[in-house]
Amino acid sequence: MRMEPGGADNPRSRLESRSLLVRRFPLRTLLLMLVALIAFGRLWCVTHQEEAPGPRPARTAQAGDVPAGAPAPASTPECRTLERALESALRTPQAPRALAEARQQLDACRQPPARACALGAALDARSPLSEGEATPLRGLLASLCERCPPAANSCAQAVGQALLSAAVGPHADTASAKWNLEHAGAGLGGACASLVQLGIAPAAQSGLTVRQPVLALAGALAPRCSRTGLLDDALLRAAAANLVAPTPALIALAAGPTPPETSAMKPDRIEGTEPGFQAFDQDENTGVPVGQARKSKRWEADGALRASYAPTLKQLVSVMVRATGPGTVRAIVRTPQGVGLKDPEKDFAFVNPTVCRFNGTGQWEQCPLQVPLRDVDAVSVFPERVDTELKELEVHGAR
């Protein structure tokens, strides 16, 4: 009888191990684990971005600034012993002396070291927001987050984690997420970047299904980021106007007066189904058979017909459609690089909210937008039946 070697060097043993792994973890479970890992990696990159190097503007000295030649804040005695003081407060949260010592050292440490900042999650778990904001440990967490740098800021990281949890869980812990955002300190930029990537940008796209807990959480967090200029206005308006993912809180935040002077905007370039110009010739007897268009590699951006504007429209307030057969109209709104979708051929980032659904009765159908859009590069028509014919399309706005 021939003996086969055991362990990792045996091909048969390796094959059996793989089979066992597949039996223990079905393919669907493995795929879900992979998606979660990718999302966590993307969140880590967002919250650990370093600021680009560059000259810092000179400013006048203020009270509390570290004078030239003084030791770095993290090297002061209070900063060096802060981690130990916080751990003592975590072990004995009812001991006044331990709490007072942690508070004294934290108040004296302007820039806590990373090891002390890492205790933020433990402070949050030991004193959850549901027990109140006035607890001593919660107060320590607030001060710690307000002083910690972005890459080690547990409050900023908790915002992204809340959005990820809302994407898979039954509901979102809105109160805790808002509290963490308010106390993110130097990590506010990273927290708002997480909100943009995981909440606002998906809500502004037509091809995505965003769960209601994510939309609710995005609507609750957006005002803080908008007030500080960390939420692009064109992106916010696109998310608010998107008929695919209506979010009342975003609509209220982006609401504003309609521009007084608007008119039908004639496109500078028409691409797609021929003869495309007949959709803008003001002749209701002509039309474009958009339902017969073939889906190209640019279908998600261009649809069956794309009308582009150069320069982009400063305002888009409404769309009017005359067609036979149903379909939708999407707006192509330019966004900051890295936000939303990427058009490699035209070299810009964008989102594509659905701004009009038409039934195609043969009569004019009006689609006033809930909020005016900005930075609109184009509008695209997407038919829903092969017999859909676009007679006329009017885009009202301002350049």
Protein backbone atom coordinates (compact mmCIF):
# COMPACT_ATOMS: atom_id res chain seq x y z
CA MET A 1 0.00 0.00 0.00
CA ARG A 2 1.37 3.37 -1.00
CA MET A 3 1.18 6.15 1.62
CA GLU A 4 0.39 9.70 0.60
CA PRO A 5 2.13 12.57 2.35
CA GLY A 6 -0.16 14.60 4.62
CA GLY A 7 -0.24 18.31 5.36
CA ALA A 8 -0.05 21.29 3.01
CA ASP A 9 2.38 19.54 0.59
CA ASN A 10 -0.17 16.92 -0.40
CA PRO A 11 -2.17 18.03 -3.50
CA ARG A 12 -5.06 15.79 -2.53
CA SER A 13 -5.11 17.28 0.95
CA ARG A 14 -5.20 20.78 -0.50
CA LEU A 15 -8.08 19.83 -2.80
CA GLU A 16 -10.09 18.40 0.09
CA SER A 17 -9.43 21.56 2.11
CA ARG A 18 -10.78 23.71 -0.68
CA SER A 19 -13.89 21.54 -0.96
CA LEU A 20 -14.44 21.82 2.77
CA LEU A 21 -14.11 25.62 2.57
CA VAL A 22 -16.75 25.79 -0.16
CA ARG A 23 -19.11 23.59 1.89
CA ARG A 24 -18.66 25.71 5.01
CA PHE A 25 -18.96 29.04 3.21
CA PRO A 26 -21.47 29.08 0.30
CA LEU A 27 -20.63 31.24 -2.69
CA ARG A 28 -23.18 33.91 -1.70
CA THR A 29 -21.61 34.27 1.75
CA LEU A 30 -18.12 34.57 0.28
CA LEU A 31 -19.30 37.26 -2.14
CA LEU A 32 -20.93 39.24 0.68
CA MET A 33 -17.71 39.01 2.68
CA LEU A 34 -15.74 40.27 -0.33
CA VAL A 35 -18.12 43.24 -0.83
CA ALA A 36 -17.85 44.18 2.84
CA LEU A 37 -14.05 43.99 2.68
CA ILE A 38 -13.94 46.25 -0.40
CA ALA A 39 -16.29 48.77 1.24
CA PHE A 40 -14.18 48.82 4.41
CA GLY A 41 -11.01 49.35 2.37
CA ARG A 42 -12.59 52.23 0.50
CA LEU A 43 -13.72 53.80 3.79
CA TRP A 44 -10.21 53.39 5.25
CA CYS A 45 -8.70 55.19 2.26
CA VAL A 46 -11.20 58.04 2.56
CA THR A 47 -10.65 58.57 6.29
CA HIS A 48 -6.84 58.22 6.11
CA GLN A 49 -6.12 60.66 3.32
CA GLU A 50 -3.25 62.99 4.04
CA GLU A 51 -3.38 66.62 3.12
CA ALA A 52 -1.29 67.58 0.11
CA PRO A 53 1.96 69.29 1.13
CA GLY A 54 2.17 72.97 0.45
CA PRO A 55 3.15 76.27 2.01
CA ARG A 56 1.12 77.24 5.01
CA PRO A 57 -0.11 80.81 5.20
CA ALA A 58 1.43 82.91 7.89
CA ARG A 59 -0.80 83.89 10.78
CA THR A 60 -0.48 85.92 13.89
CA ALA A 61 0.32 84.16 17.13
CA GLN A 62 -2.66 83.40 19.34
CA ALA A 63 -3.06 82.46 22.94
CA GLY A 64 -2.41 78.78 23.42
CA ASP A 65 -0.02 78.44 20.44
CA VAL A 66 3.13 76.47 21.05
CA PRO A 67 6.10 78.90 21.00
CA ALA A 68 9.12 78.25 18.81
CA GLY A 69 11.56 75.82 20.35
CA ALA A 70 8.92 74.27 22.63
CA PRO A 71 8.46 70.48 22.58
CA ALA A 72 5.84 69.04 20.23
CA PRO A 73 2.40 68.80 21.89
CA ALA A 74 2.38 65.00 21.80
CA SER A 75 5.70 64.92 23.69
CA THR A 76 4.48 66.89 26.70
CA PRO A 77 4.21 64.94 29.98
CA GLU A 78 0.39 65.08 29.90
CA CYS A 79 0.27 63.66 26.38
CA ARG A 80 2.72 60.87 27.19
CA THR A 81 0.61 59.69 30.13
CA LEU A 82 -2.81 60.39 28.59
CA GLU A 83 -3.29 56.84 27.33
CA ARG A 84 -2.70 55.43 30.80
CA ALA A 85 -5.09 57.97 32.37
CA LEU A 86 -7.85 57.15 29.88
CA GLU A 87 -7.40 53.42 30.45
CA SER A 88 -7.71 53.99 34.19
CA ALA A 89 -10.96 55.92 33.66
CA LEU A 90 -12.28 53.10 31.48
CA ARG A 91 -11.49 50.50 34.16
CA THR A 92 -13.09 52.51 36.99
CA PRO A 93 -15.68 54.85 35.43
CA GLN A 94 -17.25 55.48 38.84
CA ALA A 95 -14.00 56.64 40.46
CA PRO A 96 -13.94 60.47 40.66
CA ARG A 97 -10.17 60.57 41.01
CA ALA A 98 -9.53 58.55 37.84
CA LEU A 99 -12.02 60.64 35.87
CA ALA A 100 -10.55 63.91 37.15
CA GLU A 101 -7.01 62.79 36.31
CA ALA A 102 -8.04 61.81 32.76
CA ARG A 103 -9.85 65.10 32.27
CA GLN A 104 -6.90 67.14 33.57
CA GLN A 105 -4.41 65.41 31.29
CA LEU A 106 -6.69 65.56 28.25
CA ASP A 107 -7.30 69.29 28.74
CA ALA A 108 -3.53 69.83 28.90
CA CYS A 109 -2.80 67.78 25.76
CA ARG A 110 -3.56 69.72 22.58
CA GLN A 111 -2.67 66.91 20.16
CA PRO A 112 -3.20 63.46 21.70
CA PRO A 113 -0.96 60.63 20.47
CA ALA A 114 -2.42 57.94 18.22
CA ARG A 115 -2.50 55.33 21.00
CA ALA A 116 -4.67 57.60 23.13
CA CYS A 117 -6.93 58.41 20.17
CA ALA A 118 -7.41 54.68 19.57
CA LEU A 119 -9.28 54.49 22.90
CA GLY A 120 -12.18 56.47 21.42
CA ALA A 121 -14.04 53.33 20.39
CA ALA A 122 -13.71 51.92 23.92
CA LEU A 123 -15.04 55.15 25.43
CA ASP A 124 -18.01 55.03 23.07
CA ALA A 125 -18.76 51.40 23.95
CA ARG A 126 -18.40 52.05 27.70
CA SER A 127 -20.65 55.12 27.61
CA PRO A 128 -23.06 54.91 24.65
CA LEU A 129 -25.04 57.95 23.63
CA SER A 130 -28.26 56.23 24.72
CA GLU A 131 -27.13 56.79 28.33
CA GLY A 132 -26.91 60.54 27.77
CA GLU A 133 -24.38 63.12 26.62
CA ALA A 134 -23.50 64.36 30.10
CA THR A 135 -21.72 61.25 31.36
CA PRO A 136 -18.03 61.79 32.24
CA LEU A 137 -16.75 59.19 29.77
CA ARG A 138 -18.86 60.70 26.99
CA GLY A 139 -17.37 64.07 27.78
CA LEU A 140 -13.88 62.61 27.52
CA LEU A 141 -14.75 61.10 24.15
CA ALA A 142 -16.02 64.44 22.85
CA SER A 143 -12.82 66.24 23.86
CA LEU A 144 -10.63 63.43 22.54
CA CYS A 145 -12.27 63.43 19.10
CA GLU A 146 -12.08 67.21 18.86
CA ARG A 147 -8.29 67.03 19.36
CA CYS A 148 -7.28 63.86 17.49
CA PRO A 149 -5.92 64.02 13.91
CA PRO A 150 -8.06 62.76 11.00
CA ALA A 151 -6.30 59.40 10.54
CA ALA A 152 -6.81 58.47 14.21
CA ASN A 153 -10.17 60.14 14.82
CA SER A 154 -12.65 57.55 16.07
CA CYS A 155 -15.65 59.91 15.71
CA ALA A 156 -14.88 60.56 12.04
CA GLN A 157 -14.43 56.84 11.41
CA ALA A 158 -17.71 56.08 13.19
CA VAL A 159 -19.60 58.21 10.64
CA GLY A 160 -18.43 56.03 7.77
CA GLN A 161 -19.13 52.89 9.77
CA ALA A 162 -22.68 54.11 10.44
CA LEU A 163 -23.27 54.58 6.70
CA LEU A 164 -21.94 51.09 5.96
CA SER A 165 -24.17 49.63 8.67
CA ALA A 166 -27.19 51.47 7.25
CA ALA A 167 -26.48 49.88 3.86
CA VAL A 168 -27.03 46.37 5.26
CA GLY A 169 -29.00 46.82 8.50
CA PRO A 170 -32.70 47.42 9.13
CA HIS A 171 -32.21 50.97 10.40
CA ALA A 172 -29.57 53.61 11.06
CA ASP A 173 -28.44 55.03 14.41
CA THR A 174 -28.95 58.61 13.31
CA ALA A 175 -28.44 60.20 16.73
CA SER A 176 -25.03 58.61 17.27
CA ALA A 177 -23.89 59.41 13.73
CA LYS A 178 -24.88 63.07 14.13
CA TRP A 179 -23.10 63.27 17.49
CA ASN A 180 -19.91 61.80 16.02
CA LEU A 181 -20.04 64.20 13.08
CA GLU A 182 -20.46 67.20 15.40
CA HIS A 183 -17.41 66.18 17.46
CA ALA A 184 -15.17 64.98 14.61
CA GLY A 185 -12.85 67.98 14.96
CA ALA A 186 -9.99 67.77 12.48
CA GLY A 187 -11.58 64.60 11.10
CA LEU A 188 -14.66 66.45 9.84
CA GLY A 189 -13.30 66.52 6.29
CA GLY A 190 -12.84 62.74 6.24
CA ALA A 191 -16.26 62.18 7.80
CA CYS A 192 -17.94 64.37 5.17
CA ALA A 193 -15.96 62.57 2.44
CA SER A 194 -17.43 59.30 3.73
CA LEU A 195 -20.90 60.86 3.59
CA VAL A 196 -20.33 61.95 0.00
CA GLN A 197 -18.95 58.61 -1.22
CA LEU A 198 -21.34 56.33 0.68
CA GLY A 199 -24.50 58.45 0.84
CA ILE A 200 -24.88 61.57 -1.28
CA ALA A 201 -23.20 60.43 -4.53
CA PRO A 202 -25.13 57.12 -4.67
CA ALA A 203 -28.37 59.03 -4.00
CA ALA A 204 -27.66 61.19 -7.07
CA GLN A 205 -27.29 58.27 -9.49
CA SER A 206 -30.02 56.62 -11.54
CA GLY A 207 -28.45 53.20 -11.84
CA LEU A 208 -28.22 52.50 -8.10
CA THR A 209 -30.76 51.36 -5.54
CA VAL A 210 -29.98 53.12 -2.27
CA ARG A 211 -31.64 51.70 0.85
CA GLN A 212 -33.96 53.95 2.83
CA PRO A 213 -31.81 53.86 6.01
CA VAL A 214 -28.88 55.25 4.01
CA LEU A 215 -31.03 58.01 2.51
CA ALA A 216 -32.39 58.94 5.94
CA LEU A 217 -28.92 59.05 7.46
CA ALA A 218 -27.52 61.06 4.55
CA GLY A 219 -30.33 63.57 4.94
CA ALA A 220 -29.59 63.94 8.65
CA LEU A 221 -25.82 64.40 8.22
CA ALA A 222 -25.76 66.58 5.11
CA PRO A 223 -26.58 69.94 6.80
CA ARG A 224 -23.41 69.85 8.94
CA CYS A 225 -21.16 69.17 5.95
CA SER A 226 -23.00 71.69 3.80
CA ARG A 227 -22.59 74.50 6.36
CA THR A 228 -18.82 74.01 6.42
CA GLY A 229 -18.46 73.91 2.63
CA LEU A 230 -17.54 70.22 2.57
CA LEU A 231 -20.52 69.17 0.42
CA ASP A 232 -20.48 70.17 -3.25
CA ASP A 233 -23.62 72.17 -4.04
CA ALA A 234 -24.11 70.68 -7.52
CA LEU A 235 -23.89 67.16 -6.08
CA LEU A 236 -26.33 67.99 -3.28
CA ARG A 237 -28.86 69.37 -5.76
CA ALA A 238 -28.49 66.32 -7.99
CA ALA A 239 -29.25 64.01 -5.07
CA ALA A 240 -32.24 66.13 -4.07
CA ALA A 241 -33.67 66.22 -7.61
CA ASN A 242 -33.21 62.51 -8.35
CA LEU A 243 -36.63 60.88 -8.80
CA VAL A 244 -35.11 57.42 -8.25
CA ALA A 245 -34.18 58.15 -4.61
CA PRO A 246 -36.42 60.95 -3.26
CA THR A 247 -35.09 62.31 0.05
CA PRO A 248 -37.20 65.07 1.67
CA ALA A 249 -34.37 66.22 3.95
CA LEU A 250 -32.03 66.78 1.00
CA ILE A 251 -34.78 68.58 -0.94
CA ALA A 252 -35.33 70.95 2.00
CA LEU A 253 -31.58 71.55 2.35
CA ALA A 254 -31.05 72.28 -1.35
CA ALA A 255 -34.25 74.29 -1.82
CA GLY A 256 -33.87 77.82 -3.12
CA PRO A 257 -35.61 80.40 -5.28
CA THR A 258 -36.07 79.57 -8.95
CA PRO A 259 -33.88 81.75 -11.18
CA PRO A 260 -35.99 84.62 -12.56
CA GLU A 261 -34.67 84.41 -16.12
CA THR A 262 -34.83 80.98 -17.72
CA SER A 263 -35.61 79.81 -21.22
CA ALA A 264 -35.42 76.77 -23.48
CA MET A 265 -31.74 75.89 -23.88
CA LYS A 266 -30.72 74.70 -27.35
CA PRO A 267 -28.01 72.04 -27.11
CA ASP A 268 -24.57 72.64 -28.58
CA ARG A 269 -24.08 69.00 -29.54
CA ILE A 270 -26.46 66.09 -30.14
CA GLU A 271 -25.29 62.46 -30.08
CA GLY A 272 -27.05 59.14 -30.44
CA THR A 273 -30.06 58.07 -32.49
CA GLU A 274 -30.43 59.82 -35.83
CA PRO A 275 -31.84 62.21 -36.81
CA GLY A 276 -31.33 63.59 -33.29
CA PHE A 277 -31.77 67.24 -34.26
CA GLN A 278 -35.47 66.60 -34.94
CA ALA A 279 -36.07 66.43 -31.17
CA PHE A 280 -35.13 70.12 -30.99
CA ASP A 281 -36.48 71.52 -34.27
CA GLN A 282 -39.78 72.74 -32.76
CA ASP A 283 -41.67 70.63 -35.29
CA GLU A 284 -44.10 68.25 -33.59
CA ASN A 285 -44.61 66.32 -36.82
CA THR A 286 -41.03 65.02 -36.80
CA GLY A 287 -39.40 62.75 -34.26
CA VAL A 288 -36.54 60.48 -33.28
CA PRO A 289 -37.09 56.68 -32.96
CA VAL A 290 -35.15 56.42 -29.69
CA GLY A 291 -36.75 53.07 -28.84
CA GLN A 292 -34.85 51.42 -31.68
CA ALA A 293 -31.44 52.61 -30.50
CA ARG A 294 -28.77 49.98 -29.93
CA LYS A 295 -27.15 49.92 -26.51
CA SER A 296 -23.53 50.98 -26.88
CA LYS A 297 -20.76 50.91 -24.29
CA ARG A 298 -21.72 54.48 -23.38
CA TRP A 299 -25.40 53.70 -22.84
CA GLU A 300 -25.37 54.45 -19.10
CA ALA A 301 -24.10 57.97 -19.79
CA ASP A 302 -25.62 58.79 -23.17
CA GLY A 303 -28.78 56.69 -23.41
CA ALA A 304 -30.46 56.68 -26.80
CA LEU A 305 -29.98 60.43 -27.26
CA ARG A 306 -27.64 62.90 -25.55
CA ALA A 307 -27.90 66.68 -25.78
CA SER A 308 -24.76 68.42 -24.49
CA TYR A 309 -24.13 72.02 -23.47
CA ALA A 310 -20.86 73.95 -23.67
CA PRO A 311 -20.32 75.65 -21.34
CA THR A 312 -22.38 73.72 -18.82
CA LEU A 313 -25.77 75.05 -17.76
CA LYS A 314 -25.61 77.10 -14.59
CA GLN A 315 -29.23 76.24 -13.90
CA LEU A 316 -31.68 73.56 -15.04
CA VAL A 317 -35.21 74.10 -13.72
CA SER A 318 -37.56 71.96 -15.82
CA VAL A 319 -37.93 69.56 -18.74
CA MET A 320 -40.79 69.30 -21.23
CA VAL A 321 -41.27 66.19 -23.36
CA ARG A 322 -43.57 65.29 -26.22
CA ALA A 323 -43.30 61.62 -27.15
CA THR A 324 -45.16 58.46 -28.05
CA GLY A 325 -44.12 55.69 -25.70
CA PRO A 326 -42.68 55.95 -22.17
CA GLY A 327 -39.18 56.77 -21.03
CA THR A 328 -37.04 58.88 -18.72
CA VAL A 329 -34.71 61.85 -18.95
CA ARG A 330 -31.50 62.02 -16.93
CA ALA A 331 -29.27 65.01 -16.28
CA ILE A 332 -25.49 64.67 -16.47
CA VAL A 333 -24.19 66.81 -13.60
CA ARG A 334 -20.46 67.40 -13.25
CA THR A 335 -18.94 66.61 -9.85
CA PRO A 336 -15.49 66.91 -8.22
CA GLN A 337 -12.93 64.36 -9.38
CA GLY A 338 -13.36 60.98 -7.73
CA VAL A 339 -17.02 61.56 -6.84
CA GLY A 340 -19.73 59.59 -8.62
CA LEU A 341 -19.10 58.09 -12.05
CA LYS A 342 -16.09 58.58 -14.32
CA ASP A 343 -16.36 59.38 -18.02
CA PRO A 344 -12.93 58.35 -19.37
CA GLU A 345 -13.61 59.65 -22.88
CA LYS A 346 -14.77 63.10 -21.79
CA ASP A 347 -12.44 63.14 -18.76
CA PHE A 348 -14.73 64.31 -15.98
CA ALA A 349 -16.70 62.88 -13.07
CA PHE A 350 -20.48 63.06 -12.97
CA VAL A 351 -23.75 61.83 -11.50
CA ASN A 352 -26.89 61.16 -13.53
CA PRO A 353 -30.10 61.86 -11.60
CA THR A 354 -33.43 61.04 -13.23
CA VAL A 355 -35.25 64.36 -13.64
CA CYS A 356 -38.27 63.35 -15.73
CA ARG A 357 -40.52 60.34 -16.29
CA PHE A 358 -42.77 60.66 -19.32
CA ASN A 359 -45.68 58.41 -20.28
CA GLY A 360 -45.52 59.18 -23.99
CA THR A 361 -49.15 60.12 -24.62
CA GLY A 362 -48.32 62.22 -27.67
CA GLN A 363 -49.05 65.42 -25.73
CA TRP A 364 -46.67 67.77 -23.94
CA GLU A 365 -45.63 66.53 -20.50
CA GLN A 366 -44.02 68.89 -18.00
CA CYS A 367 -41.38 67.86 -15.44
CA PRO A 368 -40.53 70.73 -13.06
CA LEU A 369 -37.51 69.86 -10.91
CA GLN A 370 -37.93 69.92 -7.13
CA VAL A 371 -34.70 71.94 -6.89
CA PRO A 372 -32.75 73.64 -9.72
CA LEU A 373 -29.68 71.75 -10.90
CA ARG A 374 -26.26 73.30 -11.46
CA ASP A 375 -23.24 72.40 -13.61
CA VAL A 376 -25.36 70.38 -16.06
CA ASP A 377 -23.22 69.06 -18.89
CA ALA A 378 -25.99 67.25 -20.78
CA VAL A 379 -29.37 65.52 -20.68
CA SER A 380 -29.90 61.95 -21.88
CA VAL A 381 -33.07 60.17 -23.02
CA PHE A 382 -33.76 56.55 -22.04
CA PRO A 383 -36.71 54.84 -23.80
CA GLU A 384 -38.65 52.10 -22.04
CA ARG A 385 -40.19 50.50 -25.13
CA VAL A 386 -38.96 49.77 -28.63
CA ASP A 387 -41.75 51.87 -30.12
CA THR A 388 -40.91 55.01 -28.10
CA GLU A 389 -40.48 58.01 -30.38
CA LEU A 390 -39.27 61.37 -29.10
CA LYS A 391 -41.11 64.19 -30.83
CA GLU A 392 -39.78 67.22 -28.94
CA LEU A 393 -37.57 67.86 -25.92
CA GLU A 394 -37.25 71.22 -24.20
CA VAL A 395 -34.73 71.85 -21.43
CA HIS A 396 -35.39 75.05 -19.50
CA GLY A 397 -32.59 76.74 -17.61
CA ALA A 398 -29.90 79.39 -17.79
CA ARG A 399 -26.29 79.57 -18.88
